[in-house]
PDB file of N, CA and C in Angstrom:
ATOM      1  N   MET A   1     -14.904   8.343 -35.213  1.00  0.00           N
ATOM      2  CA  MET A   1     -15.560   8.710 -36.457  1.00  0.00           C
ATOM      3  C   MET A   1     -16.716   9.663 -36.138  1.00  0.00           C
ATOM      4  N   GLU A   2     -16.868  10.682 -36.957  1.00  0.00           N
ATOM      5  CA  GLU A   2     -17.926  11.659 -36.756  1.00  0.00           C
ATOM      6  C   GLU A   2     -19.283  11.031 -36.979  1.00  0.00           C
ATOM      7  N   GLN A   3     -20.211  11.298 -36.074  1.00  0.00           N
ATOM      8  CA  GLN A   3     -21.564  10.782 -36.229  1.00  0.00           C
ATOM      9  C   GLN A   3     -22.340  11.677 -37.186  1.00  0.00           C
ATOM     10  N   PRO A   4     -23.037  11.102 -38.150  1.00  0.00           N
ATOM     11  CA  PRO A   4     -23.810  11.929 -39.075  1.00  0.00           C
ATOM     12  C   PRO A   4     -24.963  12.593 -38.346  1.00  0.00           C
ATOM     13  N   SER A   5     -25.311  13.777 -38.785  1.00  0.00           N
ATOM     14  CA  SER A   5     -26.453  14.449 -38.178  1.00  0.00           C
ATOM     15  C   SER A   5     -27.723  13.696 -38.550  1.00  0.00           C
ATOM     16  N   HIS A   6     -28.725  13.857 -37.733  1.00  0.00           N
ATOM     17  CA  HIS A   6     -30.017  13.220 -37.978  1.00  0.00           C
ATOM     18  C   HIS A   6     -30.557  13.625 -39.350  1.00  0.00           C
ATOM     19  N   GLU A   7     -30.275  14.862 -39.756  1.00  0.00           N
ATOM     20  CA  GLU A   7     -30.805  15.357 -41.005  1.00  0.00           C
ATOM     21  C   GLU A   7     -30.195  14.651 -42.218  1.00  0.00           C
ATOM     22  N   LEU A   8     -28.943  14.226 -42.127  1.00  0.00           N
ATOM     23  CA  LEU A   8     -28.356  13.508 -43.260  1.00  0.00           C
ATOM     24  C   LEU A   8     -29.142  12.235 -43.557  1.00  0.00           C
ATOM     25  N   LYS A   9     -29.767  11.676 -42.538  1.00  0.00           N
ATOM     26  CA  LYS A   9     -30.622  10.503 -42.746  1.00  0.00           C
ATOM     27  C   LYS A   9     -31.722  10.845 -43.745  1.00  0.00           C
ATOM     28  N   THR A  10     -32.309  12.015 -43.604  1.00  0.00           N
ATOM     29  CA  THR A  10     -33.368  12.448 -44.503  1.00  0.00           C
ATOM     30  C   THR A  10     -32.855  12.546 -45.935  1.00  0.00           C
ATOM     31  N   LEU A  11     -31.684  13.133 -46.117  1.00  0.00           N
ATOM     32  CA  LEU A  11     -31.110  13.256 -47.455  1.00  0.00           C
ATOM     33  C   LEU A  11     -30.842  11.877 -48.051  1.00  0.00           C
ATOM     34  N   PHE A  12     -30.248  10.987 -47.265  1.00  0.00           N
ATOM     35  CA  PHE A  12     -29.964   9.643 -47.768  1.00  0.00           C
ATOM     36  C   PHE A  12     -31.255   8.895 -48.102  1.00  0.00           C
ATOM     37  N   ASP A  13     -32.293   9.089 -47.281  1.00  0.00           N
ATOM     38  CA  ASP A  13     -33.592   8.484 -47.597  1.00  0.00           C
ATOM     39  C   ASP A  13     -34.082   8.975 -48.955  1.00  0.00           C
ATOM     40  N   GLN A  14     -33.988  10.277 -49.198  1.00  0.00           N
ATOM     41  CA  GLN A  14     -34.455  10.852 -50.452  1.00  0.00           C
ATOM     42  C   GLN A  14     -33.614  10.379 -51.640  1.00  0.00           C
ATOM     43  N   LEU A  15     -32.343  10.111 -51.389  1.00  0.00           N
ATOM     44  CA  LEU A  15     -31.460   9.611 -52.442  1.00  0.00           C
ATOM     45  C   LEU A  15     -31.654   8.116 -52.694  1.00  0.00           C
ATOM     46  N   GLY A  16     -32.459   7.472 -51.851  1.00  0.00           N
ATOM     47  CA  GLY A  16     -32.712   6.042 -52.008  1.00  0.00           C
ATOM     48  C   GLY A  16     -31.559   5.188 -51.520  1.00  0.00           C
ATOM     49  N   LEU A  17     -30.794   5.721 -50.561  1.00  0.00           N
ATOM     50  CA  LEU A  17     -29.631   5.015 -50.023  1.00  0.00           C
ATOM     51  C   LEU A  17     -29.894   4.593 -48.592  1.00  0.00           C
ATOM     52  N   PRO A  18     -29.224   3.525 -48.122  1.00  0.00           N
ATOM     53  CA  PRO A  18     -29.344   3.156 -46.707  1.00  0.00           C
ATOM     54  C   PRO A  18     -28.998   4.378 -45.846  1.00  0.00           C
ATOM     55  N   SER A  19     -29.769   4.588 -44.784  1.00  0.00           N
ATOM     56  CA  SER A  19     -29.654   5.859 -44.078  1.00  0.00           C
ATOM     57  C   SER A  19     -29.390   5.758 -42.581  1.00  0.00           C
ATOM     58  N   ASP A  20     -29.028   4.566 -42.097  1.00  0.00           N
ATOM     59  CA  ASP A  20     -28.657   4.523 -40.685  1.00  0.00           C
ATOM     60  C   ASP A  20     -27.240   5.096 -40.555  1.00  0.00           C
ATOM     61  N   GLY A  21     -26.842   5.438 -39.342  1.00  0.00           N
ATOM     62  CA  GLY A  21     -25.561   6.102 -39.114  1.00  0.00           C
ATOM     63  C   GLY A  21     -24.368   5.370 -39.695  1.00  0.00           C
ATOM     64  N   LYS A  22     -24.305   4.060 -39.503  1.00  0.00           N
ATOM     65  CA  LYS A  22     -23.179   3.287 -40.023  1.00  0.00           C
ATOM     66  C   LYS A  22     -23.183   3.273 -41.553  1.00  0.00           C
ATOM     67  N   ALA A  23     -24.354   3.144 -42.155  1.00  0.00           N
ATOM     68  CA  ALA A  23     -24.445   3.128 -43.617  1.00  0.00           C
ATOM     69  C   ALA A  23     -23.987   4.459 -44.210  1.00  0.00           C
ATOM     70  N   ILE A  24     -24.347   5.561 -43.563  1.00  0.00           N
ATOM     71  CA  ILE A  24     -23.907   6.877 -44.034  1.00  0.00           C
ATOM     72  C   ILE A  24     -22.392   6.983 -43.925  1.00  0.00           C
ATOM     73  N   ASP A  25     -21.839   6.599 -42.770  1.00  0.00           N
ATOM     74  CA  ASP A  25     -20.378   6.636 -42.591  1.00  0.00           C
ATOM     75  C   ASP A  25     -19.681   5.750 -43.614  1.00  0.00           C
ATOM     76  N   ASP A  26     -20.217   4.550 -43.841  1.00  0.00           N
ATOM     77  CA  ASP A  26     -19.617   3.628 -44.808  1.00  0.00           C
ATOM     78  C   ASP A  26     -19.649   4.207 -46.224  1.00  0.00           C
ATOM     79  N   PHE A  27     -20.769   4.824 -46.589  1.00  0.00           N
ATOM     80  CA  PHE A  27     -20.884   5.435 -47.924  1.00  0.00           C
ATOM     81  C   PHE A  27     -19.834   6.527 -48.092  1.00  0.00           C
ATOM     82  N   ILE A  28     -19.697   7.364 -47.100  1.00  0.00           N
ATOM     83  CA  ILE A  28     -18.752   8.484 -47.178  1.00  0.00           C
ATOM     84  C   ILE A  28     -17.316   7.976 -47.265  1.00  0.00           C
ATOM     85  N   MET A  29     -16.989   6.960 -46.501  1.00  0.00           N
ATOM     86  CA  MET A  29     -15.633   6.409 -46.548  1.00  0.00           C
ATOM     87  C   MET A  29     -15.357   5.719 -47.883  1.00  0.00           C
ATOM     88  N   ALA A  30     -16.394   5.145 -48.497  1.00  0.00           N
ATOM     89  CA  ALA A  30     -16.221   4.423 -49.765  1.00  0.00           C
ATOM     90  C   ALA A  30     -16.238   5.342 -50.986  1.00  0.00           C
ATOM     91  N   HIS A  31     -16.656   6.599 -50.812  1.00  0.00           N
ATOM     92  CA  HIS A  31     -16.811   7.511 -51.948  1.00  0.00           C
ATOM     93  C   HIS A  31     -16.138   8.865 -51.699  1.00  0.00           C
ATOM     94  N   PRO A  32     -14.879   8.878 -51.326  1.00  0.00           N
ATOM     95  CA  PRO A  32     -14.230  10.181 -51.110  1.00  0.00           C
ATOM     96  C   PRO A  32     -14.113  10.944 -52.426  1.00  0.00           C
ATOM     97  N   LEU A  33     -14.243  12.248 -52.328  1.00  0.00           N
ATOM     98  CA  LEU A  33     -14.125  13.095 -53.516  1.00  0.00           C
ATOM     99  C   LEU A  33     -12.841  13.909 -53.460  1.00  0.00           C
ATOM    100  N   ASP A  34     -12.188  14.022 -54.601  1.00  0.00           N
ATOM    101  CA  ASP A  34     -11.006  14.874 -54.652  1.00  0.00           C
ATOM    102  C   ASP A  34     -11.476  16.330 -54.709  1.00  0.00           C
ATOM    103  N   PRO A  35     -10.600  17.261 -54.377  1.00  0.00           N
ATOM    104  CA  PRO A  35     -10.995  18.672 -54.300  1.00  0.00           C
ATOM    105  C   PRO A  35     -11.530  19.252 -55.606  1.00  0.00           C
ATOM    106  N   ASN A  36     -11.198  18.648 -56.738  1.00  0.00           N
ATOM    107  CA  ASN A  36     -11.630  19.182 -58.031  1.00  0.00           C
ATOM    108  C   ASN A  36     -12.971  18.642 -58.511  1.00  0.00           C
ATOM    109  N   THR A  37     -13.565  17.707 -57.777  1.00  0.00           N
ATOM    110  CA  THR A  37     -14.834  17.109 -58.185  1.00  0.00           C
ATOM    111  C   THR A  37     -15.975  17.727 -57.394  1.00  0.00           C
ATOM    112  N   LYS A  38     -16.927  18.296 -58.110  1.00  0.00           N
ATOM    113  CA  LYS A  38     -18.117  18.836 -57.460  1.00  0.00           C
ATOM    114  C   LYS A  38     -19.018  17.686 -57.039  1.00  0.00           C
ATOM    115  N   LEU A  39     -19.691  17.870 -55.934  1.00  0.00           N
ATOM    116  CA  LEU A  39     -20.574  16.829 -55.409  1.00  0.00           C
ATOM    117  C   LEU A  39     -21.545  16.331 -56.464  1.00  0.00           C
ATOM    118  N   VAL A  40     -22.214  17.230 -57.151  1.00  0.00           N
ATOM    119  CA  VAL A  40     -23.236  16.805 -58.119  1.00  0.00           C
ATOM    120  C   VAL A  40     -22.643  16.142 -59.353  1.00  0.00           C
ATOM    121  N   ASP A  41     -21.337  16.298 -59.569  1.00  0.00           N
ATOM    122  CA  ASP A  41     -20.677  15.682 -60.720  1.00  0.00           C
ATOM    123  C   ASP A  41     -20.002  14.353 -60.392  1.00  0.00           C
ATOM    124  N   ALA A  42     -20.124  13.910 -59.152  1.00  0.00           N
ATOM    125  CA  ALA A  42     -19.486  12.652 -58.755  1.00  0.00           C
ATOM    126  C   ALA A  42     -20.042  11.507 -59.589  1.00  0.00           C
ATOM    127  N   PRO A  43     -19.178  10.600 -60.024  1.00  0.00           N
ATOM    128  CA  PRO A  43     -19.605   9.542 -60.946  1.00  0.00           C
ATOM    129  C   PRO A  43     -20.507   8.475 -60.325  1.00  0.00           C
ATOM    130  N   PHE A  44     -20.639   8.457 -59.031  1.00  0.00           N
ATOM    131  CA  PHE A  44     -21.412   7.383 -58.389  1.00  0.00           C
ATOM    132  C   PHE A  44     -22.897   7.703 -58.250  1.00  0.00           C
ATOM    133  N   TRP A  45     -23.330   8.913 -58.605  1.00  0.00           N
ATOM    134  CA  TRP A  45     -24.752   9.246 -58.519  1.00  0.00           C
ATOM    135  C   TRP A  45     -25.486   8.805 -59.786  1.00  0.00           C
ATOM    136  N   SER A  46     -26.716   8.383 -59.601  1.00  0.00           N
ATOM    137  CA  SER A  46     -27.587   8.143 -60.761  1.00  0.00           C
ATOM    138  C   SER A  46     -28.082   9.507 -61.254  1.00  0.00           C
ATOM    139  N   ASP A  47     -28.678   9.532 -62.421  1.00  0.00           N
ATOM    140  CA  ASP A  47     -29.235  10.784 -62.941  1.00  0.00           C
ATOM    141  C   ASP A  47     -30.278  11.365 -61.987  1.00  0.00           C
ATOM    142  N   GLN A  48     -31.103  10.503 -61.430  1.00  0.00           N
ATOM    143  CA  GLN A  48     -32.142  10.950 -60.511  1.00  0.00           C
ATOM    144  C   GLN A  48     -31.532  11.533 -59.233  1.00  0.00           C
ATOM    145  N   GLN A  49     -30.479  10.906 -58.723  1.00  0.00           N
ATOM    146  CA  GLN A  49     -29.817  11.417 -57.533  1.00  0.00           C
ATOM    147  C   GLN A  49     -29.160  12.770 -57.811  1.00  0.00           C
ATOM    148  N   GLN A  50     -28.535  12.907 -58.973  1.00  0.00           N
ATOM    149  CA  GLN A  50     -27.943  14.199 -59.348  1.00  0.00           C
ATOM    150  C   GLN A  50     -29.019  15.279 -59.439  1.00  0.00           C
ATOM    151  N   ASP A  51     -30.142  14.949 -60.025  1.00  0.00           N
ATOM    152  CA  ASP A  51     -31.243  15.915 -60.135  1.00  0.00           C
ATOM    153  C   ASP A  51     -31.723  16.356 -58.758  1.00  0.00           C
ATOM    154  N   LEU A  52     -31.866  15.408 -57.844  1.00  0.00           N
ATOM    155  CA  LEU A  52     -32.314  15.734 -56.495  1.00  0.00           C
ATOM    156  C   LEU A  52     -31.302  16.647 -55.794  1.00  0.00           C
ATOM    157  N   LEU A  53     -30.028  16.316 -55.905  1.00  0.00           N
ATOM    158  CA  LEU A  53     -29.005  17.142 -55.268  1.00  0.00           C
ATOM    159  C   LEU A  53     -29.027  18.561 -55.833  1.00  0.00           C
ATOM    160  N   ARG A  54     -29.144  18.699 -57.139  1.00  0.00           N
ATOM    161  CA  ARG A  54     -29.215  20.036 -57.761  1.00  0.00           C
ATOM    162  C   ARG A  54     -30.457  20.789 -57.287  1.00  0.00           C
ATOM    163  N   GLU A  55     -31.578  20.087 -57.246  1.00  0.00           N
ATOM    164  CA  GLU A  55     -32.833  20.703 -56.808  1.00  0.00           C
ATOM    165  C   GLU A  55     -32.705  21.207 -55.375  1.00  0.00           C
ATOM    166  N   TRP A  56     -32.128  20.394 -54.512  1.00  0.00           N
ATOM    167  CA  TRP A  56     -31.983  20.788 -53.112  1.00  0.00           C
ATOM    168  C   TRP A  56     -31.010  21.952 -52.964  1.00  0.00           C
ATOM    169  N   LEU A  57     -29.966  21.984 -53.775  1.00  0.00           N
ATOM    170  CA  LEU A  57     -29.036  23.121 -53.717  1.00  0.00           C
ATOM    171  C   LEU A  57     -29.732  24.406 -54.157  1.00  0.00           C
ATOM    172  N   LEU A  58     -30.542  24.333 -55.182  1.00  0.00           N
ATOM    173  CA  LEU A  58     -31.249  25.511 -55.673  1.00  0.00           C
ATOM    174  C   LEU A  58     -32.328  25.987 -54.712  1.00  0.00           C
ATOM    175  N   ALA A  59     -32.820  25.089 -53.862  1.00  0.00           N
ATOM    176  CA  ALA A  59     -33.836  25.461 -52.882  1.00  0.00           C
ATOM    177  C   ALA A  59     -33.274  26.488 -51.903  1.00  0.00           C
ATOM    178  N   ASP A  60     -31.969  26.461 -51.709  1.00  0.00           N
ATOM    179  CA  ASP A  60     -31.266  27.438 -50.882  1.00  0.00           C
ATOM    180  C   ASP A  60     -31.863  27.579 -49.485  1.00  0.00           C
ATOM    181  N   GLY A  61     -32.317  26.488 -48.931  1.00  0.00           N
ATOM    182  CA  GLY A  61     -32.850  26.483 -47.578  1.00  0.00           C
ATOM    183  C   GLY A  61     -32.201  25.361 -46.800  1.00  0.00           C
ATOM    184  N   GLU A  62     -32.980  24.755 -45.939  1.00  0.00           N
ATOM    185  CA  GLU A  62     -32.482  23.643 -45.123  1.00  0.00           C
ATOM    186  C   GLU A  62     -31.956  22.515 -46.004  1.00  0.00           C
ATOM    187  N   GLU A  63     -32.609  22.298 -47.141  1.00  0.00           N
ATOM    188  CA  GLU A  63     -32.166  21.240 -48.046  1.00  0.00           C
ATOM    189  C   GLU A  63     -30.751  21.497 -48.540  1.00  0.00           C
ATOM    190  N   ALA A  64     -30.458  22.747 -48.888  1.00  0.00           N
ATOM    191  CA  ALA A  64     -29.124  23.101 -49.372  1.00  0.00           C
ATOM    192  C   ALA A  64     -28.077  22.890 -48.284  1.00  0.00           C
ATOM    193  N   VAL A  65     -28.446  23.146 -47.043  1.00  0.00           N
ATOM    194  CA  VAL A  65     -27.523  22.937 -45.920  1.00  0.00           C
ATOM    195  C   VAL A  65     -27.171  21.458 -45.807  1.00  0.00           C
ATOM    196  N   LEU A  66     -28.157  20.582 -45.996  1.00  0.00           N
ATOM    197  CA  LEU A  66     -27.905  19.139 -45.917  1.00  0.00           C
ATOM    198  C   LEU A  66     -26.971  18.686 -47.027  1.00  0.00           C
ATOM    199  N   VAL A  67     -27.195  19.185 -48.228  1.00  0.00           N
ATOM    200  CA  VAL A  67     -26.326  18.828 -49.351  1.00  0.00           C
ATOM    201  C   VAL A  67     -24.916  19.337 -49.088  1.00  0.00           C
ATOM    202  N   ASP A  68     -24.804  20.522 -48.519  1.00  0.00           N
ATOM    203  CA  ASP A  68     -23.488  21.071 -48.191  1.00  0.00           C
ATOM    204  C   ASP A  68     -22.783  20.219 -47.134  1.00  0.00           C
ATOM    205  N   GLN A  69     -23.528  19.752 -46.142  1.00  0.00           N
ATOM    206  CA  GLN A  69     -22.941  18.866 -45.124  1.00  0.00           C
ATOM    207  C   GLN A  69     -22.377  17.607 -45.774  1.00  0.00           C
ATOM    208  N   LEU A  70     -23.133  17.025 -46.668  1.00  0.00           N
ATOM    209  CA  LEU A  70     -22.671  15.823 -47.365  1.00  0.00           C
ATOM    210  C   LEU A  70     -21.444  16.155 -48.212  1.00  0.00           C
ATOM    211  N   ASN A  71     -21.472  17.275 -48.893  1.00  0.00           N
ATOM    212  CA  ASN A  71     -20.348  17.707 -49.713  1.00  0.00           C
ATOM    213  C   ASN A  71     -19.074  17.807 -48.877  1.00  0.00           C
ATOM    214  N   VAL A  72     -19.159  18.445 -47.736  1.00  0.00           N
ATOM    215  CA  VAL A  72     -17.990  18.602 -46.865  1.00  0.00           C
ATOM    216  C   VAL A  72     -17.481  17.242 -46.413  1.00  0.00           C
ATOM    217  N   ARG A  73     -18.381  16.379 -45.994  1.00  0.00           N
ATOM    218  CA  ARG A  73     -17.955  15.060 -45.505  1.00  0.00           C
ATOM    219  C   ARG A  73     -17.331  14.220 -46.618  1.00  0.00           C
ATOM    220  N   LEU A  74     -17.887  14.255 -47.819  1.00  0.00           N
ATOM    221  CA  LEU A  74     -17.307  13.480 -48.915  1.00  0.00           C
ATOM    222  C   LEU A  74     -15.936  14.021 -49.317  1.00  0.00           C
ATOM    223  N   HIS A  75     -15.765  15.307 -49.254  1.00  0.00           N
ATOM    224  CA  HIS A  75     -14.453  15.881 -49.595  1.00  0.00           C
ATOM    225  C   HIS A  75     -13.441  15.672 -48.478  1.00  0.00           C
ATOM    226  N   ASP A  76     -13.904  15.576 -47.233  1.00  0.00           N
ATOM    227  CA  ASP A  76     -13.015  15.275 -46.103  1.00  0.00           C
ATOM    228  C   ASP A  76     -12.775  13.781 -45.960  1.00  0.00           C
ATOM    229  N   GLY A  77     -13.672  12.968 -46.512  1.00  0.00           N
ATOM    230  CA  GLY A  77     -13.557  11.522 -46.414  1.00  0.00           C
ATOM    231  C   GLY A  77     -13.927  10.978 -45.040  1.00  0.00           C
ATOM    232  N   LYS A  78     -14.700  11.766 -44.271  1.00  0.00           N
ATOM    233  CA  LYS A  78     -15.136  11.288 -42.954  1.00  0.00           C
ATOM    234  C   LYS A  78     -16.450  11.895 -42.547  1.00  0.00           C
TER     235      LYS A  78
END
């Protein structure tokens, strides 16, 4: 199983989710996204989590890279 980058811990912390490596892997395996679902539109996010993800994407910096990493992993399911 792919080990999450250290930075994904920061994103999960900001989302208010458990952020150790196993918790991140477990979350990703439990929430796979089909190719037609955008990350920010996934039904498992709270309104606050969706707002944070949108904000980080619009920041177009390191934060956007982290959201993109999560997006890829959720769509790959690993």
